[in-house]
Amino acid sequence: MIRAMTRKANIQYDVTLFQTPKYRESKGYNQVYRTTVLASSRESCLEATFSRFNITDLIPANYQGRFLSTGDIILIDEGRRGQYYYQLKPGGWQSINRIHIR
């Protein structure tokens, strides 16, 4: 009972994926997909998004991008709470400024 009361509720995050046309390019990011992800935090949202777009059986049928890889950017839009951009680096997800999207 206590565990159920102290567990953080899942939030529906609005997630947008940005990728370059070719691997390892640093400019020319384009929006490739937008979806919602149910997660308890931004970190778990990043993990769930990575899993969804890197496991062949979980990839949505209408997804036209490639597997997520180093350099790809994810935008997590929390509405009034703000927008958060993360780029996949060799060490994991790193928060970035939105200026890197252009």
C-alpha atoms as a PDB file:
ATOM      1  CA  MET A   1       0.000   0.000   0.000  1.00  0.00           C
ATOM      2  CA  ILE A   2       2.737   2.463   0.941  1.00  0.00           C
ATOM      3  CA  ARG A   3       4.746   1.554  -2.152  1.00  0.00           C
ATOM      4  CA  ALA A   4       1.743   2.324  -4.352  1.00  0.00           C
ATOM      5  CA  MET A   5       1.264   5.696  -2.667  1.00  0.00           C
ATOM      6  CA  THR A   6       4.915   6.755  -2.938  1.00  0.00           C
ATOM      7  CA  ARG A   7       5.455   5.549  -6.517  1.00  0.00           C
ATOM      8  CA  LYS A   8       5.720   8.378  -9.011  1.00  0.00           C
ATOM      9  CA  ALA A   9       2.857   8.503 -11.494  1.00  0.00           C
ATOM     10  CA  ASN A  10       3.575   8.033 -15.161  1.00  0.00           C
ATOM     11  CA  ILE A  11       3.370  11.153 -17.297  1.00  0.00           C
ATOM     12  CA  GLN A  12       2.673  11.275 -20.999  1.00  0.00           C
ATOM     13  CA  TYR A  13       5.624  13.048 -22.654  1.00  0.00           C
ATOM     14  CA  ASP A  14       5.482  14.545 -26.147  1.00  0.00           C
ATOM     15  CA  VAL A  15       8.686  13.345 -27.874  1.00  0.00           C
ATOM     16  CA  THR A  16      10.119  14.518 -31.200  1.00  0.00           C
ATOM     17  CA  LEU A  17      13.111  12.839 -32.880  1.00  0.00           C
ATOM     18  CA  PHE A  18      15.620  14.788 -34.973  1.00  0.00           C
ATOM     19  CA  GLN A  19      18.219  13.125 -37.194  1.00  0.00           C
ATOM     20  CA  THR A  20      20.665  14.214 -39.880  1.00  0.00           C
ATOM     21  CA  PRO A  21      20.339  12.646 -43.343  1.00  0.00           C
ATOM     22  CA  LYS A  22      23.626  10.767 -42.828  1.00  0.00           C
ATOM     23  CA  TYR A  23      25.421   9.406 -39.775  1.00  0.00           C
ATOM     24  CA  ARG A  24      27.916  11.669 -37.973  1.00  0.00           C
ATOM     25  CA  GLU A  25      26.841  14.938 -39.547  1.00  0.00           C
ATOM     26  CA  SER A  26      26.724  17.889 -37.167  1.00  0.00           C
ATOM     27  CA  LYS A  27      24.319  20.109 -39.157  1.00  0.00           C
ATOM     28  CA  GLY A  28      21.100  19.645 -41.045  1.00  0.00           C
ATOM     29  CA  TYR A  29      18.860  18.056 -38.412  1.00  0.00           C
ATOM     30  CA  ASN A  30      15.347  17.263 -39.603  1.00  0.00           C
ATOM     31  CA  GLN A  31      12.312  16.154 -37.639  1.00  0.00           C
ATOM     32  CA  VAL A  32      11.781  12.473 -38.445  1.00  0.00           C
ATOM     33  CA  TYR A  33       9.091  11.387 -35.974  1.00  0.00           C
ATOM     34  CA  ARG A  34       6.799  12.636 -33.231  1.00  0.00           C
ATOM     35  CA  THR A  35       5.115  10.452 -30.626  1.00  0.00           C
ATOM     36  CA  THR A  36       4.054  10.272 -27.004  1.00  0.00           C
ATOM     37  CA  VAL A  37       5.855   8.187 -24.388  1.00  0.00           C
ATOM     38  CA  LEU A  38       4.463   7.167 -21.001  1.00  0.00           C
ATOM     39  CA  ALA A  39       7.214   7.461 -18.361  1.00  0.00           C
ATOM     40  CA  SER A  40       7.818   8.517 -14.764  1.00  0.00           C
ATOM     41  CA  SER A  41      10.651  10.987 -15.504  1.00  0.00           C
ATOM     42  CA  ARG A  42      12.566  12.546 -18.380  1.00  0.00           C
ATOM     43  CA  GLU A  43      15.374  10.031 -17.870  1.00  0.00           C
ATOM     44  CA  SER A  44      13.018   7.068 -18.116  1.00  0.00           C
ATOM     45  CA  CYS A  45      11.389   8.722 -21.144  1.00  0.00           C
ATOM     46  CA  LEU A  46      14.806   8.863 -22.862  1.00  0.00           C
ATOM     47  CA  GLU A  47      15.423   5.191 -22.062  1.00  0.00           C
ATOM     48  CA  ALA A  48      11.987   4.154 -23.325  1.00  0.00           C
ATOM     49  CA  THR A  49      12.409   6.182 -26.519  1.00  0.00           C
ATOM     50  CA  PHE A  50      15.839   4.678 -27.162  1.00  0.00           C
ATOM     51  CA  SER A  51      14.447   1.175 -26.692  1.00  0.00           C
ATOM     52  CA  ARG A  52      11.422   1.827 -28.892  1.00  0.00           C
ATOM     53  CA  PHE A  53      13.506   3.046 -31.844  1.00  0.00           C
ATOM     54  CA  ASN A  54      16.381   0.552 -31.566  1.00  0.00           C
ATOM     55  CA  ILE A  55      14.488  -2.732 -31.226  1.00  0.00           C
ATOM     56  CA  THR A  56      13.110  -3.818 -34.590  1.00  0.00           C
ATOM     57  CA  ASP A  57       9.902  -5.318 -33.163  1.00  0.00           C
ATOM     58  CA  LEU A  58       9.032  -2.108 -31.259  1.00  0.00           C
ATOM     59  CA  ILE A  59       9.587   0.409 -34.084  1.00  0.00           C
ATOM     60  CA  PRO A  60       6.273   1.967 -35.225  1.00  0.00           C
ATOM     61  CA  ALA A  61       5.147   0.958 -38.714  1.00  0.00           C
ATOM     62  CA  ASN A  62       5.058   4.554 -39.987  1.00  0.00           C
ATOM     63  CA  TYR A  63       8.577   5.432 -38.758  1.00  0.00           C
ATOM     64  CA  GLN A  64      10.781   6.443 -41.694  1.00  0.00           C
ATOM     65  CA  GLY A  65      14.014   7.263 -39.829  1.00  0.00           C
ATOM     66  CA  ARG A  66      16.968   5.059 -38.952  1.00  0.00           C
ATOM     67  CA  PHE A  67      17.937   3.483 -35.635  1.00  0.00           C
ATOM     68  CA  LEU A  68      18.847   6.043 -32.967  1.00  0.00           C
ATOM     69  CA  SER A  69      22.594   6.595 -32.868  1.00  0.00           C
ATOM     70  CA  THR A  70      25.219   8.978 -31.548  1.00  0.00           C
ATOM     71  CA  GLY A  71      24.406  12.563 -32.481  1.00  0.00           C
ATOM     72  CA  ASP A  72      20.627  12.172 -32.751  1.00  0.00           C
ATOM     73  CA  ILE A  73      18.501  14.675 -30.823  1.00  0.00           C
ATOM     74  CA  ILE A  74      15.300  14.167 -28.853  1.00  0.00           C
ATOM     75  CA  LEU A  75      12.966  16.997 -27.865  1.00  0.00           C
ATOM     76  CA  ILE A  76      10.802  16.356 -24.816  1.00  0.00           C
ATOM     77  CA  ASP A  77       7.956  18.876 -24.699  1.00  0.00           C
ATOM     78  CA  GLU A  78       6.282  19.177 -21.309  1.00  0.00           C
ATOM     79  CA  GLY A  79       3.908  21.964 -22.290  1.00  0.00           C
ATOM     80  CA  ARG A  80       3.952  24.709 -19.661  1.00  0.00           C
ATOM     81  CA  ARG A  81       6.907  23.087 -17.896  1.00  0.00           C
ATOM     82  CA  GLY A  82       9.139  23.739 -20.904  1.00  0.00           C
ATOM     83  CA  GLN A  83      10.967  21.988 -23.682  1.00  0.00           C
ATOM     84  CA  TYR A  84      14.091  19.901 -23.131  1.00  0.00           C
ATOM     85  CA  TYR A  85      16.562  18.867 -25.805  1.00  0.00           C
ATOM     86  CA  TYR A  86      18.887  15.877 -25.405  1.00  0.00           C
ATOM     87  CA  GLN A  87      21.604  14.634 -27.730  1.00  0.00           C
ATOM     88  CA  LEU A  88      22.889  11.081 -27.690  1.00  0.00           C
ATOM     89  CA  LYS A  89      26.612  11.160 -26.955  1.00  0.00           C
ATOM     90  CA  PRO A  90      29.018   8.201 -26.512  1.00  0.00           C
ATOM     91  CA  GLY A  91      28.496   8.446 -22.730  1.00  0.00           C
ATOM     92  CA  GLY A  92      24.709   8.668 -22.841  1.00  0.00           C
ATOM     93  CA  TRP A  93      22.114  11.416 -23.189  1.00  0.00           C
ATOM     94  CA  GLN A  94      23.358  14.989 -22.679  1.00  0.00           C
ATOM     95  CA  SER A  95      21.158  18.054 -22.295  1.00  0.00           C
ATOM     96  CA  ILE A  96      21.764  20.640 -25.050  1.00  0.00           C
ATOM     97  CA  ASN A  97      20.493  24.079 -26.105  1.00  0.00           C
ATOM     98  CA  ARG A  98      17.886  24.273 -28.820  1.00  0.00           C
ATOM     99  CA  ILE A  99      20.313  26.252 -30.998  1.00  0.00           C
ATOM    100  CA  HIS A 100      21.993  22.959 -31.969  1.00  0.00           C
ATOM    101  CA  ILE A 101      18.876  21.888 -33.888  1.00  0.00           C
ATOM    102  CA  ARG A 102      19.271  24.492 -36.646  1.00  0.00           C
END
